[in-house]
């Protein structure tokens, strides 16, 4: 049986961190300064985006006369859907 050629593997690893920072810089330029991510600013920006999405949904559903409200946890959503309060785990 003929031997298959040996595939050479690169001995360097890509700089994934820099690639991710560049992606963040494209999406949220205000959160990257001198190649470093300002995580506090990123958290604040993402929090603002979530609030905007909730407000947009509230307005949208209001125009089509659908009751809409936001919840702060999966547990709260479960309780609203099932109409029960579960005091402990589960």
Protein backbone atom coordinates (compact mmCIF):
# COMPACT_ATOMS: atom_id res chain seq x y z
CA UNK A 1 0.00 0.00 0.00
CA UNK A 2 1.50 3.39 -0.94
CA UNK A 3 2.37 5.68 1.91
CA UNK A 4 0.35 8.88 2.07
CA UNK A 5 2.33 12.10 2.24
CA UNK A 6 2.80 13.58 5.69
CA UNK A 7 0.80 16.73 6.20
CA UNK A 8 2.82 19.48 7.79
CA UNK A 9 1.17 21.27 10.67
CA UNK A 10 1.96 24.86 11.45
CA UNK A 11 3.95 25.30 14.62
CA UNK A 12 2.49 28.70 15.32
CA UNK A 13 -0.90 29.45 16.76
CA UNK A 14 -3.04 32.25 15.39
CA UNK A 15 -3.49 35.29 17.58
CA UNK A 16 -7.18 34.76 18.27
CA UNK A 17 -7.26 37.43 20.95
CA UNK A 18 -6.28 40.17 18.51
CA UNK A 19 -8.81 38.89 15.98
CA UNK A 20 -11.59 39.02 18.58
CA UNK A 21 -10.58 42.52 19.69
CA UNK A 22 -10.72 43.64 16.05
CA UNK A 23 -14.22 42.16 15.72
CA UNK A 24 -15.35 44.01 18.84
CA UNK A 25 -13.75 47.19 17.53
CA UNK A 26 -15.81 46.91 14.34
CA UNK A 27 -19.04 46.38 16.28
CA UNK A 28 -18.40 48.68 19.24
CA UNK A 29 -15.61 51.12 18.35
CA UNK A 30 -16.24 53.17 21.49
CA UNK A 31 -15.31 50.16 23.64
CA UNK A 32 -11.81 49.56 22.23
CA UNK A 33 -8.95 51.94 22.93
CA UNK A 34 -5.33 51.34 21.91
CA UNK A 35 -6.09 47.71 21.12
CA UNK A 36 -7.61 47.00 24.54
CA UNK A 37 -11.25 46.32 25.38
CA UNK A 38 -12.88 48.53 28.01
CA UNK A 39 -15.13 45.85 29.49
CA UNK A 40 -17.01 48.26 31.74
CA UNK A 41 -17.93 50.38 28.74
CA UNK A 42 -18.81 47.24 26.73
CA UNK A 43 -21.11 46.02 29.52
CA UNK A 44 -22.78 49.42 29.68
CA UNK A 45 -23.20 49.49 25.90
CA UNK A 46 -24.65 45.99 25.77
CA UNK A 47 -26.97 46.80 28.67
CA UNK A 48 -28.21 49.85 26.79
CA UNK A 49 -28.80 47.72 23.70
CA UNK A 50 -30.87 45.24 25.70
CA UNK A 51 -32.97 48.07 27.12
CA UNK A 52 -33.49 49.46 23.62
CA UNK A 53 -34.56 46.03 22.31
CA UNK A 54 -37.06 45.67 25.14
CA UNK A 55 -38.47 49.15 24.49
CA UNK A 56 -38.74 48.46 20.74
CA UNK A 57 -40.59 45.21 21.43
CA UNK A 58 -42.90 46.94 23.89
CA UNK A 59 -43.77 49.60 21.28
CA UNK A 60 -44.17 47.04 18.49
CA UNK A 61 -46.48 44.79 20.46
CA UNK A 62 -48.39 47.85 21.65
CA UNK A 63 -49.21 48.77 18.05
CA UNK A 64 -50.69 45.33 17.43
CA UNK A 65 -52.49 45.35 20.79
CA UNK A 66 -50.59 42.45 22.36
CA UNK A 67 -49.73 42.49 26.06
CA UNK A 68 -45.97 42.55 26.42
CA UNK A 69 -43.72 42.68 29.44
CA UNK A 70 -40.07 41.90 30.12
CA UNK A 71 -38.82 39.51 32.78
CA UNK A 72 -35.49 39.53 34.56
CA UNK A 73 -34.90 35.78 34.83
CA UNK A 74 -35.85 32.44 33.34
CA UNK A 75 -37.50 31.56 36.65
CA UNK A 76 -39.74 34.63 36.44
CA UNK A 77 -40.69 33.72 32.88
CA UNK A 78 -41.54 30.16 33.92
CA UNK A 79 -43.69 31.42 36.77
CA UNK A 80 -45.59 33.79 34.49
CA UNK A 81 -46.14 31.16 31.83
CA UNK A 82 -47.25 28.47 34.26
CA UNK A 83 -48.98 30.88 36.59
CA UNK A 84 -47.27 29.43 39.65
CA UNK A 85 -44.68 30.50 42.17
CA UNK A 86 -41.99 27.99 42.99
CA UNK A 87 -40.21 28.94 46.17
CA UNK A 88 -37.23 26.63 45.81
CA UNK A 89 -35.33 24.82 43.12
CA UNK A 90 -36.86 23.11 40.20
